[in-house]
Amino acid sequence: MRCKSLTAMLLVGVAASQAQADPRFLAPGDLLPESGVGVTDPMVFFPDMRFPMESGPAYANSSAALIGGRNGPEGDSCDPSNYSYPWRDNFCEYRRMDLAVCGAGGHMGQDLRPATCEKGVHWTVAATDGVVSHIGRFAVTVQSPDGALHRYIHLDMDSVTLSPLDRVKQGDRIGTVSNGWLSEIPIHLHYDIRQPVQIGDAVHALFLPPYSSLVAAYEKLD
């Protein structure tokens, strides 16, 4: 498996970083108040990735801390306010997992709501060329040629026709957005990227902040 050196990733990210001028997108690391400590660096780690939903609009925000979420105000998770701009980062939101790159908390990816609050309707697609490395109860993982693991969670698994070791091309359908989990949750896609990074002689698989890469990919859908 190929992996990137930390220096190479930083250089690519710096070259692709861009100011968050579009009012549809709040700045990276700008989490909801008291929901966590975000990563404010605007680095675009994956400038060539495709947005992981087939079409827009889509809404990046917290599935847990907004209306109808487990940590949010009571109400219907299909509330229109949950399906509106601006986008908001929720990498490092307080969850059960601690991550090395987070000051606190541990949500390892970004929650993305599809255009409408309907499960089994809106398709996710491969963000890069790759190979299906794992299929679980609620998720599909695709490994890209550089070793990055792109994971799609909360899918309607009845829509997934892929098998482990299948090859996919960027833009190929993965499965439809749903709310598959151990208990009832809002309809959304959890998307995360784990990148093998060589630091000295050791290789570490790190969850990287996906928000700025998702913003850049989403802008290409326009």
Protein backbone atom coordinates (compact mmCIF):
# COMPACT_ATOMS: atom_id res chain seq x y z
CA MET A 1 0.00 0.00 0.00
CA ARG A 2 1.31 3.39 -0.99
CA CYS A 3 1.31 6.17 1.55
CA LYS A 4 2.13 9.85 1.49
CA SER A 5 4.82 11.52 3.50
CA LEU A 6 3.54 14.18 5.87
CA THR A 7 5.63 16.79 4.04
CA ALA A 8 4.13 15.89 0.66
CA MET A 9 0.60 16.10 2.04
CA LEU A 10 1.26 19.48 3.58
CA LEU A 11 2.65 20.84 0.31
CA VAL A 12 -0.33 19.61 -1.68
CA GLY A 13 -2.73 20.92 0.90
CA VAL A 14 -1.12 24.36 1.05
CA ALA A 15 -1.20 24.64 -2.74
CA ALA A 16 -4.89 23.79 -2.83
CA SER A 17 -6.03 25.80 0.20
CA GLN A 18 -8.49 28.55 -0.57
CA ALA A 19 -10.26 31.30 1.31
CA GLN A 20 -13.81 30.53 2.43
CA ALA A 21 -15.46 33.48 0.65
CA ASP A 22 -18.70 31.78 -0.42
CA PRO A 23 -21.48 32.56 2.11
CA ARG A 24 -22.82 29.00 1.72
CA PHE A 25 -19.86 27.67 3.69
CA LEU A 26 -18.76 28.60 7.18
CA ALA A 27 -15.05 28.36 7.90
CA PRO A 28 -13.37 25.03 8.68
CA GLY A 29 -13.30 24.34 12.39
CA ASP A 30 -16.31 26.59 13.09
CA LEU A 31 -18.30 24.01 15.02
CA LEU A 32 -21.56 24.71 16.77
CA PRO A 33 -20.97 26.41 20.14
CA GLU A 34 -20.07 23.96 22.92
CA SER A 35 -20.11 21.01 20.48
CA GLY A 36 -16.35 20.55 20.19
CA VAL A 37 -13.02 22.11 19.27
CA GLY A 38 -12.58 22.11 15.49
CA VAL A 39 -9.53 22.10 13.23
CA THR A 40 -9.36 25.61 11.76
CA ASP A 41 -6.64 24.95 9.17
CA PRO A 42 -8.23 25.44 5.69
CA MET A 43 -6.00 22.84 4.03
CA VAL A 44 -7.58 20.94 1.13
CA PHE A 45 -6.00 17.52 1.52
CA PHE A 46 -7.77 15.97 -1.47
CA PRO A 47 -8.05 18.57 -4.25
CA ASP A 48 -8.88 16.02 -6.97
CA MET A 49 -11.70 14.21 -5.18
CA ARG A 50 -15.28 14.25 -6.42
CA PHE A 51 -18.09 15.25 -4.10
CA PRO A 52 -19.35 11.96 -2.61
CA MET A 53 -23.01 12.57 -3.48
CA GLU A 54 -24.18 12.21 -7.04
CA SER A 55 -25.89 15.60 -7.15
CA GLY A 56 -26.71 18.59 -5.04
CA PRO A 57 -27.88 20.38 -3.16
CA ALA A 58 -26.44 18.84 -0.04
CA TYR A 59 -26.00 20.24 3.44
CA ALA A 60 -22.99 19.70 5.68
CA ASN A 61 -23.90 20.04 9.33
CA SER A 62 -24.16 18.04 12.53
CA SER A 63 -26.63 15.16 12.58
CA ALA A 64 -26.31 14.98 16.37
CA ALA A 65 -26.45 18.59 17.56
CA LEU A 66 -29.27 20.01 15.42
CA ILE A 67 -33.04 19.52 15.67
CA GLY A 68 -33.92 15.88 16.15
CA GLY A 69 -30.34 14.79 16.83
CA ARG A 70 -29.37 12.95 19.99
CA ASN A 71 -27.64 16.02 21.43
CA GLY A 72 -29.86 18.63 19.80
CA PRO A 73 -33.20 20.30 20.40
CA GLU A 74 -36.28 18.10 20.35
CA GLY A 75 -38.19 17.99 17.09
CA ASP A 76 -38.28 16.39 13.69
CA SER A 77 -34.85 15.75 12.17
CA CYS A 78 -36.47 16.56 8.79
CA ASP A 79 -36.98 20.16 9.94
CA PRO A 80 -36.22 22.49 7.00
CA SER A 81 -33.55 24.29 9.04
CA ASN A 82 -31.48 21.10 8.95
CA TYR A 83 -31.61 21.17 5.15
CA SER A 84 -30.35 24.66 4.51
CA TYR A 85 -27.15 26.65 4.08
CA PRO A 86 -24.67 27.56 5.40
CA TRP A 87 -22.55 24.45 5.71
CA ARG A 88 -20.89 23.80 9.05
CA ASP A 89 -17.89 21.64 9.89
CA ASN A 90 -18.38 18.90 12.48
CA PHE A 91 -15.05 17.06 12.36
CA CYS A 92 -13.86 16.77 15.99
CA GLU A 93 -17.37 17.22 17.37
CA TYR A 94 -17.72 15.69 20.83
CA ARG A 95 -18.38 11.97 20.33
CA ARG A 96 -17.20 8.71 21.87
CA MET A 97 -13.90 8.51 19.99
CA ASP A 98 -10.74 10.52 20.67
CA LEU A 99 -8.58 11.41 17.68
CA ALA A 100 -4.97 12.54 17.64
CA VAL A 101 -5.75 15.54 15.42
CA CYS A 102 -8.59 16.79 17.63
CA GLY A 103 -8.06 18.93 20.69
CA ALA A 104 -11.11 17.24 22.26
CA GLY A 105 -13.97 15.05 21.18
CA GLY A 106 -13.56 12.75 18.26
CA HIS A 107 -16.09 12.79 15.40
CA MET A 108 -13.82 11.49 12.66
CA GLY A 109 -15.67 12.74 9.59
CA GLN A 110 -18.32 15.06 8.22
CA ASP A 111 -22.09 14.62 8.31
CA LEU A 112 -23.77 15.40 4.99
CA ARG A 113 -27.53 15.63 4.50
CA PRO A 114 -28.89 15.03 0.99
CA ALA A 115 -31.19 17.39 -0.90
CA THR A 116 -34.31 16.09 0.86
CA CYS A 117 -35.08 14.13 4.01
CA GLU A 118 -35.80 10.89 2.16
CA LYS A 119 -33.91 7.69 2.75
CA GLY A 120 -32.99 5.33 -0.06
CA VAL A 121 -33.35 8.06 -2.72
CA HIS A 122 -30.13 10.06 -2.96
CA TRP A 123 -27.02 8.30 -4.30
CA THR A 124 -23.51 8.45 -2.92
CA VAL A 125 -20.68 8.02 -5.41
CA ALA A 126 -17.00 7.18 -5.40
CA ALA A 127 -14.94 10.25 -4.59
CA THR A 128 -11.91 8.68 -6.32
CA ASP A 129 -11.00 5.64 -8.37
CA GLY A 130 -10.34 2.72 -6.08
CA VAL A 131 -11.07 -0.74 -4.78
CA VAL A 132 -13.83 -1.71 -2.35
CA SER A 133 -11.87 -2.69 0.73
CA HIS A 134 -14.72 -3.39 3.15
CA ILE A 135 -18.49 -3.69 3.29
CA GLY A 136 -20.12 -3.63 6.71
CA ARG A 137 -23.63 -3.56 8.14
CA PHE A 138 -24.11 0.14 7.38
CA ALA A 139 -21.05 1.19 5.41
CA VAL A 140 -18.81 0.82 2.38
CA THR A 141 -15.10 1.66 2.34
CA VAL A 142 -13.18 2.39 -0.86
CA GLN A 143 -9.38 2.48 -0.94
CA SER A 144 -7.91 4.91 -3.45
CA PRO A 145 -4.60 4.27 -5.30
CA ASP A 146 -2.66 6.36 -2.75
CA GLY A 147 -3.96 4.20 0.11
CA ALA A 148 -6.58 6.61 1.45
CA LEU A 149 -9.71 4.94 2.85
CA HIS A 150 -12.92 6.75 1.90
CA ARG A 151 -15.77 5.55 4.09
CA TYR A 152 -19.51 5.97 3.51
CA ILE A 153 -21.66 5.26 6.58
CA HIS A 154 -25.45 5.06 7.21
CA LEU A 155 -26.25 3.71 3.75
CA ASP A 156 -29.33 1.78 2.67
CA MET A 157 -27.42 -1.47 2.19
CA ASP A 158 -30.18 -2.89 -0.04
CA SER A 159 -29.04 -0.36 -2.64
CA VAL A 160 -25.39 -1.52 -2.53
CA THR A 161 -24.51 -3.99 -5.28
CA LEU A 162 -20.75 -3.86 -4.80
CA SER A 163 -18.59 -6.60 -3.30
CA PRO A 164 -15.19 -6.51 -1.61
CA LEU A 165 -12.31 -6.11 -4.11
CA ASP A 166 -14.59 -4.63 -6.79
CA ARG A 167 -12.97 -1.77 -8.65
CA VAL A 168 -14.80 1.54 -8.92
CA LYS A 169 -14.19 4.65 -10.95
CA GLN A 170 -14.64 8.17 -9.66
CA GLY A 171 -18.35 8.95 -9.83
CA ASP A 172 -19.58 5.35 -9.75
CA ARG A 173 -22.57 4.76 -7.49
CA ILE A 174 -21.90 3.33 -4.03
CA GLY A 175 -25.29 3.27 -2.29
CA THR A 176 -28.15 5.53 -1.22
CA VAL A 177 -28.22 7.76 1.84
CA SER A 178 -30.24 6.39 4.73
CA ASN A 179 -30.14 6.21 8.52
CA GLY A 180 -28.74 2.73 9.01
CA TRP A 181 -27.26 2.35 12.50
CA LEU A 182 -27.77 0.57 15.80
CA SER A 183 -30.69 2.87 16.60
CA GLU A 184 -32.84 5.47 14.83
CA ILE A 185 -30.79 8.47 13.68
CA PRO A 186 -31.33 11.37 11.25
CA ILE A 187 -31.01 10.60 7.55
CA HIS A 188 -27.51 11.59 6.49
CA LEU A 189 -24.21 10.37 5.09
CA HIS A 190 -21.23 10.19 7.43
CA TYR A 191 -18.17 10.55 5.21
CA ASP A 192 -14.60 10.25 6.43
CA ILE A 193 -11.12 9.79 4.99
CA ARG A 194 -8.30 7.90 6.67
CA GLN A 195 -4.88 8.48 5.08
CA PRO A 196 -1.76 6.38 5.68
CA VAL A 197 0.98 8.91 6.41
CA GLN A 198 4.66 8.11 6.81
CA ILE A 199 6.27 9.97 9.70
CA GLY A 200 9.90 8.94 9.97
CA ASP A 201 10.04 5.17 9.61
CA ALA A 202 6.51 4.55 10.84
CA VAL A 203 3.23 4.59 8.93
CA HIS A 204 0.16 5.95 10.72
CA ALA A 205 -3.41 5.82 9.38
CA LEU A 206 -4.83 9.21 10.32
CA PHE A 207 -8.34 10.58 10.00
CA LEU A 208 -7.90 13.89 8.18
CA PRO A 209 -10.29 16.85 8.32
CA PRO A 210 -12.47 16.44 5.19
CA TYR A 211 -14.44 19.69 5.36
CA SER A 212 -12.33 21.92 3.09
CA SER A 213 -11.90 19.11 0.56
CA LEU A 214 -15.68 18.63 0.51
CA VAL A 215 -16.26 22.35 -0.01
CA ALA A 216 -13.85 22.39 -2.95
CA ALA A 217 -15.45 19.28 -4.47
CA TYR A 218 -18.98 20.62 -3.98
CA GLU A 219 -18.13 23.87 -5.74
CA LYS A 220 -17.20 21.83 -8.83
CA LEU A 221 -20.78 20.50 -9.02
CA ASP A 222 -22.07 24.02 -9.77
